[in-house]
Full PDB file with SEQRES, HELIX, SHEET, SSBOND, CRYST1, ORIGX, SCALE, CONECT and MASTER records, all heavy atoms in Angstrom:
SEQRES   1 A   40  GLU ARG LEU HIS ALA MET ALA GLY LEU LEU PRO ALA GLY          
SEQRES   2 A   40  MET GLU ARG GLU ARG ALA LEU ASP LEU TYR ARG ARG ASN          
SEQRES   3 A   40  ILE ALA SER ALA ALA ARG ARG LEU ALA ASP GLU GLY MET          
SEQRES   4 A   40  THR                                                          
HELIX    1 AA1 ARG A   16  ALA A   35  1                                  20    
CRYST1    1.000    1.000    1.000  90.00  90.00  90.00 P 1           1          
ORIGX1      1.000000  0.000000  0.000000        0.00000                         
ORIGX2      0.000000  1.000000  0.000000        0.00000                         
ORIGX3      0.000000  0.000000  1.000000        0.00000                         
SCALE1      1.000000  0.000000  0.000000        0.00000                         
SCALE2      0.000000  1.000000  0.000000        0.00000                         
SCALE3      0.000000  0.000000  1.000000        0.00000                         
ATOM      1  N   GLU A   1     109.313 107.962  75.302  1.00  0.00           N  
ATOM      2  CA  GLU A   1     109.851 109.204  75.854  1.00  0.00           C  
ATOM      3  C   GLU A   1     109.216 109.602  77.188  1.00  0.00           C  
ATOM      4  O   GLU A   1     109.628 110.601  77.777  1.00  0.00           O  
ATOM      5  CB  GLU A   1     109.643 110.342  74.847  1.00  0.00           C  
ATOM      6  CG  GLU A   1     110.376 110.110  73.534  1.00  0.00           C  
ATOM      7  CD  GLU A   1     110.106 111.206  72.521  1.00  0.00           C  
ATOM      8  OE1 GLU A   1     109.245 112.074  72.792  1.00  0.00           O  
ATOM      9  OE2 GLU A   1     110.752 111.195  71.455  1.00  0.00           O  
ATOM     10  N   ARG A   2     108.208 108.844  77.651  1.00  0.00           N  
ATOM     11  CA  ARG A   2     107.513 109.200  78.891  1.00  0.00           C  
ATOM     12  C   ARG A   2     107.367 107.975  79.777  1.00  0.00           C  
ATOM     13  O   ARG A   2     106.941 106.914  79.315  1.00  0.00           O  
ATOM     14  CB  ARG A   2     106.109 109.761  78.590  1.00  0.00           C  
ATOM     15  CG  ARG A   2     106.091 111.025  77.789  1.00  0.00           C  
ATOM     16  CD  ARG A   2     104.684 111.333  77.292  1.00  0.00           C  
ATOM     17  NE  ARG A   2     104.699 112.363  76.269  1.00  0.00           N  
ATOM     18  CZ  ARG A   2     104.973 112.134  74.986  1.00  0.00           C  
ATOM     19  NH1 ARG A   2     105.261 110.904  74.573  1.00  0.00           N  
ATOM     20  NH2 ARG A   2     104.976 113.126  74.123  1.00  0.00           N  
ATOM     21  N   LEU A   3     107.704 108.146  81.051  1.00  0.00           N  
ATOM     22  CA  LEU A   3     107.539 107.096  82.042  1.00  0.00           C  
ATOM     23  C   LEU A   3     106.736 107.636  83.219  1.00  0.00           C  
ATOM     24  O   LEU A   3     106.905 108.791  83.612  1.00  0.00           O  
ATOM     25  CB  LEU A   3     108.899 106.596  82.529  1.00  0.00           C  
ATOM     26  CG  LEU A   3     109.792 105.918  81.493  1.00  0.00           C  
ATOM     27  CD1 LEU A   3     111.167 105.635  82.094  1.00  0.00           C  
ATOM     28  CD2 LEU A   3     109.154 104.636  80.990  1.00  0.00           C  
ATOM     29  N   HIS A   4     105.897 106.790  83.760  1.00  0.00           N  
ATOM     30  CA  HIS A   4     105.064 107.172  84.906  1.00  0.00           C  
ATOM     31  C   HIS A   4     105.566 106.455  86.157  1.00  0.00           C  
ATOM     32  O   HIS A   4     105.719 105.233  86.163  1.00  0.00           O  
ATOM     33  CB  HIS A   4     103.604 106.789  84.640  1.00  0.00           C  
ATOM     34  CG  HIS A   4     102.710 106.918  85.824  1.00  0.00           C  
ATOM     35  ND1 HIS A   4     101.684 106.033  86.086  1.00  0.00           N  
ATOM     36  CD2 HIS A   4     102.679 107.828  86.841  1.00  0.00           C  
ATOM     37  CE1 HIS A   4     101.063 106.389  87.195  1.00  0.00           C  
ATOM     38  NE2 HIS A   4     101.654 107.471  87.675  1.00  0.00           N  
ATOM     39  N   ALA A   5     105.818 107.225  87.208  1.00  0.00           N  
ATOM     40  CA  ALA A   5     106.217 106.662  88.501  1.00  0.00           C  
ATOM     41  C   ALA A   5     105.031 106.715  89.446  1.00  0.00           C  
ATOM     42  O   ALA A   5     104.572 107.800  89.819  1.00  0.00           O  
ATOM     43  CB  ALA A   5     107.391 107.442  89.091  1.00  0.00           C  
ATOM     44  N   MET A   6     104.522 105.559  89.838  1.00  0.00           N  
ATOM     45  CA  MET A   6     103.405 105.515  90.774  1.00  0.00           C  
ATOM     46  C   MET A   6     103.884 105.895  92.175  1.00  0.00           C  
ATOM     47  O   MET A   6     104.983 105.510  92.600  1.00  0.00           O  
ATOM     48  CB  MET A   6     102.765 104.130  90.787  1.00  0.00           C  
ATOM     49  CG  MET A   6     102.144 103.730  89.453  1.00  0.00           C  
ATOM     50  SD  MET A   6     101.170 102.200  89.567  1.00  0.00           S  
ATOM     51  CE  MET A   6      99.715 102.795  90.463  1.00  0.00           C  
ATOM     52  N   ALA A   7     103.044 106.629  92.893  1.00  0.00           N  
ATOM     53  CA  ALA A   7     103.432 107.144  94.206  1.00  0.00           C  
ATOM     54  C   ALA A   7     103.455 106.061  95.272  1.00  0.00           C  
ATOM     55  O   ALA A   7     104.356 106.019  96.118  1.00  0.00           O  
ATOM     56  CB  ALA A   7     102.471 108.260  94.627  1.00  0.00           C  
ATOM     57  N   GLY A   8     102.445 105.197  95.251  1.00  0.00           N  
ATOM     58  CA  GLY A   8     102.304 104.195  96.291  1.00  0.00           C  
ATOM     59  C   GLY A   8     101.206 104.538  97.270  1.00  0.00           C  
ATOM     60  O   GLY A   8     100.679 105.661  97.296  1.00  0.00           O  
ATOM     61  N   LEU A   9     100.837 103.566  98.081  1.00  0.00           N  
ATOM     62  CA  LEU A   9      99.830 103.755  99.125  1.00  0.00           C  
ATOM     63  C   LEU A   9     100.495 104.319 100.381  1.00  0.00           C  
ATOM     64  O   LEU A   9     101.607 103.922 100.736  1.00  0.00           O  
ATOM     65  CB  LEU A   9      99.154 102.422  99.459  1.00  0.00           C  
ATOM     66  CG  LEU A   9      98.559 101.640  98.282  1.00  0.00           C  
ATOM     67  CD1 LEU A   9      97.924 100.344  98.789  1.00  0.00           C  
ATOM     68  CD2 LEU A   9      97.551 102.468  97.515  1.00  0.00           C  
ATOM     69  N   LEU A  10      99.809 105.240 101.033  1.00  0.00           N  
ATOM     70  CA  LEU A  10     100.338 105.815 102.271  1.00  0.00           C  
ATOM     71  C   LEU A  10     100.509 104.706 103.305  1.00  0.00           C  
ATOM     72  O   LEU A  10      99.535 104.039 103.670  1.00  0.00           O  
ATOM     73  CB  LEU A  10      99.383 106.883 102.796  1.00  0.00           C  
ATOM     74  CG  LEU A  10      99.792 107.580 104.095  1.00  0.00           C  
ATOM     75  CD1 LEU A  10     101.080 108.379 103.891  1.00  0.00           C  
ATOM     76  CD2 LEU A  10      98.671 108.495 104.584  1.00  0.00           C  
ATOM     77  N   PRO A  11     101.739 104.466 103.783  1.00  0.00           N  
ATOM     78  CA  PRO A  11     101.953 103.397 104.751  1.00  0.00           C  
ATOM     79  C   PRO A  11     101.165 103.624 106.043  1.00  0.00           C  
ATOM     80  O   PRO A  11     101.024 104.760 106.509  1.00  0.00           O  
ATOM     81  CB  PRO A  11     103.465 103.448 105.014  1.00  0.00           C  
ATOM     82  CG  PRO A  11     104.039 104.109 103.799  1.00  0.00           C  
ATOM     83  CD  PRO A  11     103.008 105.114 103.376  1.00  0.00           C  
ATOM     84  N   ALA A  12     100.658 102.562 106.602  1.00  0.00           N  
ATOM     85  CA  ALA A  12      99.890 102.651 107.839  1.00  0.00           C  
ATOM     86  C   ALA A  12     100.734 103.282 108.940  1.00  0.00           C  
ATOM     87  O   ALA A  12     101.901 102.918 109.137  1.00  0.00           O  
ATOM     88  CB  ALA A  12      99.429 101.255 108.269  1.00  0.00           C  
ATOM     89  N   GLY A  13     100.158 104.252 109.633  1.00  0.00           N  
ATOM     90  CA  GLY A  13     100.839 104.897 110.743  1.00  0.00           C  
ATOM     91  C   GLY A  13     101.827 105.968 110.355  1.00  0.00           C  
ATOM     92  O   GLY A  13     102.433 106.600 111.232  1.00  0.00           O  
ATOM     93  N   MET A  14     102.009 106.195 109.056  1.00  0.00           N  
ATOM     94  CA  MET A  14     102.965 107.205 108.609  1.00  0.00           C  
ATOM     95  C   MET A  14     102.236 108.522 108.337  1.00  0.00           C  
ATOM     96  O   MET A  14     101.182 108.533 107.688  1.00  0.00           O  
ATOM     97  CB  MET A  14     103.677 106.743 107.337  1.00  0.00           C  
ATOM     98  CG  MET A  14     104.807 107.649 106.878  1.00  0.00           C  
ATOM     99  SD  MET A  14     105.644 106.952 105.417  1.00  0.00           S  
ATOM    100  CE  MET A  14     107.034 108.066 105.242  1.00  0.00           C  
ATOM    101  N   GLU A  15     102.783 109.624 108.825  1.00  0.00           N  
ATOM    102  CA  GLU A  15     102.184 110.921 108.549  1.00  0.00           C  
ATOM    103  C   GLU A  15     102.304 111.237 107.061  1.00  0.00           C  
ATOM    104  O   GLU A  15     103.337 111.002 106.442  1.00  0.00           O  
ATOM    105  CB  GLU A  15     102.882 112.012 109.359  1.00  0.00           C  
ATOM    106  CG  GLU A  15     102.655 111.913 110.858  1.00  0.00           C  
ATOM    107  CD  GLU A  15     103.331 113.044 111.610  1.00  0.00           C  
ATOM    108  OE1 GLU A  15     103.939 113.919 110.937  1.00  0.00           O  
ATOM    109  OE2 GLU A  15     103.235 113.064 112.842  1.00  0.00           O  
ATOM    110  N   ARG A  16     101.226 111.796 106.522  1.00  0.00           N  
ATOM    111  CA  ARG A  16     101.202 112.068 105.089  1.00  0.00           C  
ATOM    112  C   ARG A  16     102.321 113.022 104.676  1.00  0.00           C  
ATOM    113  O   ARG A  16     102.934 112.843 103.618  1.00  0.00           O  
ATOM    114  CB  ARG A  16      99.844 112.631 104.686  1.00  0.00           C  
ATOM    115  CG  ARG A  16      99.672 112.773 103.180  1.00  0.00           C  
ATOM    116  CD  ARG A  16      98.226 113.057 102.792  1.00  0.00           C  
ATOM    117  NE  ARG A  16      98.090 113.047 101.354  1.00  0.00           N  
ATOM    118  CZ  ARG A  16      98.297 114.100 100.566  1.00  0.00           C  
ATOM    119  NH1 ARG A  16      98.636 115.262 101.105  1.00  0.00           N  
ATOM    120  NH2 ARG A  16      98.163 114.018  99.246  1.00  0.00           N  
ATOM    121  N   GLU A  17     102.612 114.033 105.482  1.00  0.00           N  
ATOM    122  CA  GLU A  17     103.656 114.991 105.120  1.00  0.00           C  
ATOM    123  C   GLU A  17     105.019 114.321 105.041  1.00  0.00           C  
ATOM    124  O   GLU A  17     105.836 114.666 104.189  1.00  0.00           O  
ATOM    125  CB  GLU A  17     103.679 116.154 106.108  1.00  0.00           C  
ATOM    126  CG  GLU A  17     102.567 117.159 105.889  1.00  0.00           C  
ATOM    127  CD  GLU A  17     102.523 117.680 104.445  1.00  0.00           C  
ATOM    128  OE1 GLU A  17     103.599 118.038 103.921  1.00  0.00           O  
ATOM    129  OE2 GLU A  17     101.433 117.705 103.864  1.00  0.00           O  
ATOM    130  N   ARG A  18     105.252 113.376 105.926  1.00  0.00           N  
ATOM    131  CA  ARG A  18     106.527 112.646 105.872  1.00  0.00           C  
ATOM    132  C   ARG A  18     106.609 111.811 104.600  1.00  0.00           C  
ATOM    133  O   ARG A  18     107.662 111.751 103.945  1.00  0.00           O  
ATOM    134  CB  ARG A  18     106.664 111.764 107.110  1.00  0.00           C  
ATOM    135  CG  ARG A  18     107.987 111.006 107.166  1.00  0.00           C  
ATOM    136  CD  ARG A  18     108.139 110.207 108.446  1.00  0.00           C  
ATOM    137  NE  ARG A  18     109.167 109.187 108.296  1.00  0.00           N  
ATOM    138  CZ  ARG A  18     109.036 107.916 108.659  1.00  0.00           C  
ATOM    139  NH1 ARG A  18     107.916 107.499 109.219  1.00  0.00           N  
ATOM    140  NH2 ARG A  18     110.021 107.063 108.499  1.00  0.00           N  
ATOM    141  N   ALA A  19     105.495 111.163 104.246  1.00  0.00           N  
ATOM    142  CA  ALA A  19     105.468 110.376 103.012  1.00  0.00           C  
ATOM    143  C   ALA A  19     105.666 111.273 101.795  1.00  0.00           C  
ATOM    144  O   ALA A  19     106.366 110.914 100.845  1.00  0.00           O  
ATOM    145  CB  ALA A  19     104.150 109.614 102.908  1.00  0.00           C  
ATOM    146  N   LEU A  20     105.064 112.462 101.828  1.00  0.00           N  
ATOM    147  CA  LEU A  20     105.219 113.400 100.716  1.00  0.00           C  
ATOM    148  C   LEU A  20     106.650 113.886 100.583  1.00  0.00           C  
ATOM    149  O   LEU A  20     107.162 114.067  99.474  1.00  0.00           O  
ATOM    150  CB  LEU A  20     104.270 114.584 100.897  1.00  0.00           C  
ATOM    151  CG  LEU A  20     102.805 114.335 100.544  1.00  0.00           C  
ATOM    152  CD1 LEU A  20     101.947 115.505 101.000  1.00  0.00           C  
ATOM    153  CD2 LEU A  20     102.630 114.095  99.042  1.00  0.00           C  
ATOM    154  N   ASP A  21     107.330 114.096 101.693  1.00  0.00           N  
ATOM    155  CA  ASP A  21     108.725 114.510 101.652  1.00  0.00           C  
ATOM    156  C   ASP A  21     109.585 113.453 100.958  1.00  0.00           C  
ATOM    157  O   ASP A  21     110.429 113.766 100.110  1.00  0.00           O  
ATOM    158  CB  ASP A  21     109.260 114.772 103.063  1.00  0.00           C  
ATOM    159  CG  ASP A  21     108.743 116.067 103.652  1.00  0.00           C  
ATOM    160  OD1 ASP A  21     108.258 116.925 102.880  1.00  0.00           O  
ATOM    161  OD2 ASP A  21     108.815 116.233 104.893  1.00  0.00           O  
ATOM    162  N   LEU A  22     109.376 112.206 101.348  1.00  0.00           N  
ATOM    163  CA  LEU A  22     110.116 111.108 100.725  1.00  0.00           C  
ATOM    164  C   LEU A  22     109.764 111.005  99.244  1.00  0.00           C  
ATOM    165  O   LEU A  22     110.645 110.812  98.386  1.00  0.00           O  
ATOM    166  CB  LEU A  22     109.800 109.796 101.444  1.00  0.00           C  
ATOM    167  CG  LEU A  22     110.400 108.520 100.842  1.00  0.00           C  
ATOM    168  CD1 LEU A  22     111.917 108.606 100.769  1.00  0.00           C  
ATOM    169  CD2 LEU A  22     109.960 107.303 101.657  1.00  0.00           C  
ATOM    170  N   TYR A  23     108.483 111.140  98.948  1.00  0.00           N  
ATOM    171  CA  TYR A  23     108.012 111.078  97.568  1.00  0.00           C  
ATOM    172  C   TYR A  23     108.678 112.153  96.710  1.00  0.00           C  
ATOM    173  O   TYR A  23     109.184 111.870  95.621  1.00  0.00           O  
ATOM    174  CB  TYR A  23     106.493 111.241  97.566  1.00  0.00           C  
ATOM    175  CG  TYR A  23     105.861 111.300  96.203  1.00  0.00           C  
ATOM    176  CD1 TYR A  23     105.858 110.185  95.360  1.00  0.00           C  
ATOM    177  CD2 TYR A  23     105.242 112.464  95.745  1.00  0.00           C  
ATOM    178  CE1 TYR A  23     105.261 110.232  94.115  1.00  0.00           C  
ATOM    179  CE2 TYR A  23     104.644 112.519  94.503  1.00  0.00           C  
ATOM    180  CZ  TYR A  23     104.654 111.402  93.693  1.00  0.00           C  
ATOM    181  OH  TYR A  23     104.062 111.456  92.455  1.00  0.00           O  
ATOM    182  N   ARG A  24     108.716 113.379  97.210  1.00  0.00           N  
ATOM    183  CA  ARG A  24     109.347 114.464  96.456  1.00  0.00           C  
ATOM    184  C   ARG A  24     110.816 114.149  96.161  1.00  0.00           C  
ATOM    185  O   ARG A  24     111.310 114.392  95.051  1.00  0.00           O  
ATOM    186  CB  ARG A  24     109.239 115.772  97.228  1.00  0.00           C  
ATOM    187  CG  ARG A  24     107.838 116.353  97.339  1.00  0.00           C  
ATOM    188  CD  ARG A  24     107.882 117.720  98.006  1.00  0.00           C  
ATOM    189  NE  ARG A  24     106.557 118.179  98.386  1.00  0.00           N  
ATOM    190  CZ  ARG A  24     106.024 118.022  99.593  1.00  0.00           C  
ATOM    191  NH1 ARG A  24     106.727 117.418 100.555  1.00  0.00           N  
ATOM    192  NH2 ARG A  24     104.817 118.474  99.861  1.00  0.00           N  
ATOM    193  N   ARG A  25     111.527 113.620  97.158  1.00  0.00           N  
ATOM    194  CA  ARG A  25     112.943 113.315  96.959  1.00  0.00           C  
ATOM    195  C   ARG A  25     113.128 112.246  95.887  1.00  0.00           C  
ATOM    196  O   ARG A  25     113.988 112.371  95.005  1.00  0.00           O  
ATOM    197  CB  ARG A  25     113.581 112.872  98.280  1.00  0.00           C  
ATOM    198  CG  ARG A  25     113.694 113.985  99.315  1.00  0.00           C  
ATOM    199  CD  ARG A  25     114.670 113.606 100.413  1.00  0.00           C  
ATOM    200  NE  ARG A  25     114.259 112.422 101.158  1.00  0.00           N  
ATOM    201  CZ  ARG A  25     113.458 112.447 102.230  1.00  0.00           C  
ATOM    202  NH1 ARG A  25     112.969 113.600 102.649  1.00  0.00           N  
ATOM    203  NH2 ARG A  25     113.154 111.339 102.862  1.00  0.00           N  
ATOM    204  N   ASN A  26     112.335 111.190  95.974  1.00  0.00           N  
ATOM    205  CA  ASN A  26     112.450 110.110  94.992  1.00  0.00           C  
ATOM    206  C   ASN A  26     112.070 110.579  93.587  1.00  0.00           C  
ATOM    207  O   ASN A  26     112.741 110.243  92.600  1.00  0.00           O  
ATOM    208  CB  ASN A  26     111.562 108.932  95.394  1.00  0.00           C  
ATOM    209  CG  ASN A  26     112.214 108.042  96.432  1.00  0.00           C  
ATOM    210  OD1 ASN A  26     113.430 107.897  96.464  1.00  0.00           O  
ATOM    211  ND2 ASN A  26     111.416 107.443  97.295  1.00  0.00           N  
ATOM    212  N   ILE A  27     111.004 111.361  93.501  1.00  0.00           N  
ATOM    213  CA  ILE A  27     110.549 111.831  92.201  1.00  0.00           C  
ATOM    214  C   ILE A  27     111.564 112.799  91.590  1.00  0.00           C  
ATOM    215  O   ILE A  27     111.865 112.744  90.385  1.00  0.00           O  
ATOM    216  CB  ILE A  27     109.156 112.493  92.328  1.00  0.00           C  
ATOM    217  CG1 ILE A  27     108.097 111.427  92.628  1.00  0.00           C  
ATOM    218  CG2 ILE A  27     108.794 113.270  91.067  1.00  0.00           C  
ATOM    219  CD1 ILE A  27     107.963 110.352  91.565  1.00  0.00           C  
ATOM    220  N   ALA A  28     112.111 113.686  92.403  1.00  0.00           N  
ATOM    221  CA  ALA A  28     113.122 114.619  91.893  1.00  0.00           C  
ATOM    222  C   ALA A  28     114.339 113.867  91.376  1.00  0.00           C  
ATOM    223  O   ALA A  28     114.885 114.187  90.310  1.00  0.00           O  
ATOM    224  CB  ALA A  28     113.519 115.603  92.986  1.00  0.00           C  
ATOM    225  N   SER A  29     114.776 112.855  92.118  1.00  0.00           N  
ATOM    226  CA  SER A  29     115.925 112.064  91.694  1.00  0.00           C  
ATOM    227  C   SER A  29     115.632 111.341  90.385  1.00  0.00           C  
ATOM    228  O   SER A  29     116.467 111.315  89.467  1.00  0.00           O  
ATOM    229  CB  SER A  29     116.289 111.057  92.792  1.00  0.00           C  
ATOM    230  OG  SER A  29     117.328 110.203  92.379  1.00  0.00           O  
ATOM    231  N   ALA A  30     114.431 110.756  90.278  1.00  0.00           N  
ATOM    232  CA  ALA A  30     114.057 110.038  89.055  1.00  0.00           C  
ATOM    233  C   ALA A  30     113.958 110.996  87.872  1.00  0.00           C  
ATOM    234  O   ALA A  30     114.392 110.667  86.758  1.00  0.00           O  
ATOM    235  CB  ALA A  30     112.728 109.311  89.256  1.00  0.00           C  
ATOM    236  N   ALA A  31     113.392 112.175  88.083  1.00  0.00           N  
ATOM    237  CA  ALA A  31     113.264 113.136  86.991  1.00  0.00           C  
ATOM    238  C   ALA A  31     114.633 113.579  86.491  1.00  0.00           C  
ATOM    239  O   ALA A  31     114.847 113.718  85.273  1.00  0.00           O  
ATOM    240  CB  ALA A  31     112.441 114.342  87.443  1.00  0.00           C  
ATOM    241  N   ARG A  32     115.571 113.801  87.424  1.00  0.00           N  
ATOM    242  CA  ARG A  32     116.921 114.174  86.992  1.00  0.00           C  
ATOM    243  C   ARG A  32     117.576 113.048  86.200  1.00  0.00           C  
ATOM    244  O   ARG A  32     118.276 113.293  85.213  1.00  0.00           O  
ATOM    245  CB  ARG A  32     117.766 114.552  88.214  1.00  0.00           C  
ATOM    246  CG  ARG A  32     117.416 115.921  88.796  1.00  0.00           C  
ATOM    247  CD  ARG A  32     118.434 116.359  89.829  1.00  0.00           C  
ATOM    248  NE  ARG A  32     118.356 115.568  91.049  1.00  0.00           N  
ATOM    249  CZ  ARG A  32     117.615 115.891  92.108  1.00  0.00           C  
ATOM    250  NH1 ARG A  32     116.891 116.997  92.096  1.00  0.00           N  
ATOM    251  NH2 ARG A  32     117.607 115.117  93.175  1.00  0.00           N  
ATOM    252  N   ARG A  33     117.324 111.815  86.619  1.00  0.00           N  
ATOM    253  CA  ARG A  33     117.900 110.675  85.889  1.00  0.00           C  
ATOM    254  C   ARG A  33     117.298 110.579  84.484  1.00  0.00           C  
ATOM    255  O   ARG A  33     118.019 110.333  83.506  1.00  0.00           O  
ATOM    256  CB  ARG A  33     117.631 109.383  86.672  1.00  0.00           C  
ATOM    257  CG  ARG A  33     118.196 108.137  86.023  1.00  0.00           C  
ATOM    258  CD  ARG A  33     119.705 108.134  86.028  1.00  0.00           C  
ATOM    259  NE  ARG A  33     120.239 106.991  85.296  1.00  0.00           N  
ATOM    260  CZ  ARG A  33     120.528 107.009  83.984  1.00  0.00           C  
ATOM    261  NH1 ARG A  33     120.351 108.117  83.276  1.00  0.00           N  
ATOM    262  NH2 ARG A  33     121.009 105.938  83.390  1.00  0.00           N  
ATOM    263  N   LEU A  34     115.991 110.784  84.356  1.00  0.00           N  
ATOM    264  CA  LEU A  34     115.355 110.730  83.047  1.00  0.00           C  
ATOM    265  C   LEU A  34     115.810 111.882  82.155  1.00  0.00           C  
ATOM    266  O   LEU A  34     115.910 111.726  80.936  1.00  0.00           O  
ATOM    267  CB  LEU A  34     113.824 110.751  83.183  1.00  0.00           C  
ATOM    268  CG  LEU A  34     113.136 109.371  83.163  1.00  0.00           C  
ATOM    269  CD1 LEU A  34     113.585 108.520  84.348  1.00  0.00           C  
ATOM    270  CD2 LEU A  34     111.622 109.510  83.147  1.00  0.00           C  
ATOM    271  N   ALA A  35     116.085 113.025  82.778  1.00  0.00           N  
ATOM    272  CA  ALA A  35     116.563 114.173  81.997  1.00  0.00           C  
ATOM    273  C   ALA A  35     117.857 113.831  81.277  1.00  0.00           C  
ATOM    274  O   ALA A  35     118.107 114.307  80.157  1.00  0.00           O  
ATOM    275  CB  ALA A  35     116.745 115.382  82.901  1.00  0.00           C  
ATOM    276  N   ASP A  36     118.706 113.005  81.896  1.00  0.00           N  
ATOM    277  CA  ASP A  36     119.953 112.585  81.258  1.00  0.00           C  
ATOM    278  C   ASP A  36     119.694 111.841  79.952  1.00  0.00           C  
ATOM    279  O   ASP A  36     120.554 111.799  79.077  1.00  0.00           O  
ATOM    280  CB  ASP A  36     120.750 111.667  82.201  1.00  0.00           C  
ATOM    281  CG  ASP A  36     121.236 112.375  83.447  1.00  0.00           C  
ATOM    282  OD1 ASP A  36     121.320 113.625  83.422  1.00  0.00           O  
ATOM    283  OD2 ASP A  36     121.517 111.691  84.450  1.00  0.00           O  
ATOM    284  N   GLU A  37     118.499 111.230  79.860  1.00  0.00           N  
ATOM    285  CA  GLU A  37     118.136 110.434  78.682  1.00  0.00           C  
ATOM    286  C   GLU A  37     117.186 111.183  77.751  1.00  0.00           C  
ATOM    287  O   GLU A  37     116.684 110.619  76.775  1.00  0.00           O  
ATOM    288  CB  GLU A  37     117.458 109.124  79.130  1.00  0.00           C  
ATOM    289  CG  GLU A  37     118.260 108.309  80.118  1.00  0.00           C  
ATOM    290  CD  GLU A  37     119.306 107.436  79.449  1.00  0.00           C  
ATOM    291  OE1 GLU A  37     119.216 107.261  78.215  1.00  0.00           O  
ATOM    292  OE2 GLU A  37     120.193 106.917  80.160  1.00  0.00           O  
ATOM    293  N   GLY A  38     116.894 112.452  78.075  1.00  0.00           N  
ATOM    294  CA  GLY A  38     115.964 113.223  77.265  1.00  0.00           C  
ATOM    295  C   GLY A  38     114.529 112.770  77.388  1.00  0.00           C  
ATOM    296  O   GLY A  38     113.728 112.954  76.452  1.00  0.00           O  
ATOM    297  N   MET A  39     114.162 112.199  78.542  1.00  0.00           N  
ATOM    298  CA  MET A  39     112.818 111.662  78.750  1.00  0.00           C  
ATOM    299  C   MET A  39     112.056 112.473  79.790  1.00  0.00           C  
ATOM    300  O   MET A  39     112.644 113.206  80.593  1.00  0.00           O  
ATOM    301  CB  MET A  39     112.885 110.193  79.201  1.00  0.00           C  
ATOM    302  CG  MET A  39     113.500 109.258  78.188  1.00  0.00           C  
ATOM    303  SD  MET A  39     113.546 107.560  78.818  1.00  0.00           S  
ATOM    304  CE  MET A  39     114.587 106.778  77.575  1.00  0.00           C  
ATOM    305  N   THR A  40     110.739 112.308  79.772  1.00  0.00           N  
ATOM    306  CA  THR A  40     109.847 113.002  80.693  1.00  0.00           C  
ATOM    307  C   THR A  40     109.321 112.042  81.740  1.00  0.00           C  
ATOM    308  O   THR A  40     108.918 110.909  81.416  1.00  0.00           O  
ATOM    309  CB  THR A  40     108.659 113.620  79.927  1.00  0.00           C  
ATOM    310  OG1 THR A  40     109.156 114.603  79.012  1.00  0.00           O  
ATOM    311  CG2 THR A  40     107.655 114.271  80.873  1.00  0.00           C  
TER     312      THR A  40                                                      
MASTER        0    0    0    1    0    0    0    6  311    1    0    4          
END                                                                             
């Protein structure tokens, strides 16, 4: 019932805030997909 999504290493030369923005989008999308299956 629980899956862990690893964030990844901050890419060289990439601003952390930009990486966090992408991370939030991917994580939100994954969480919504897991919600369809009743998972966390």
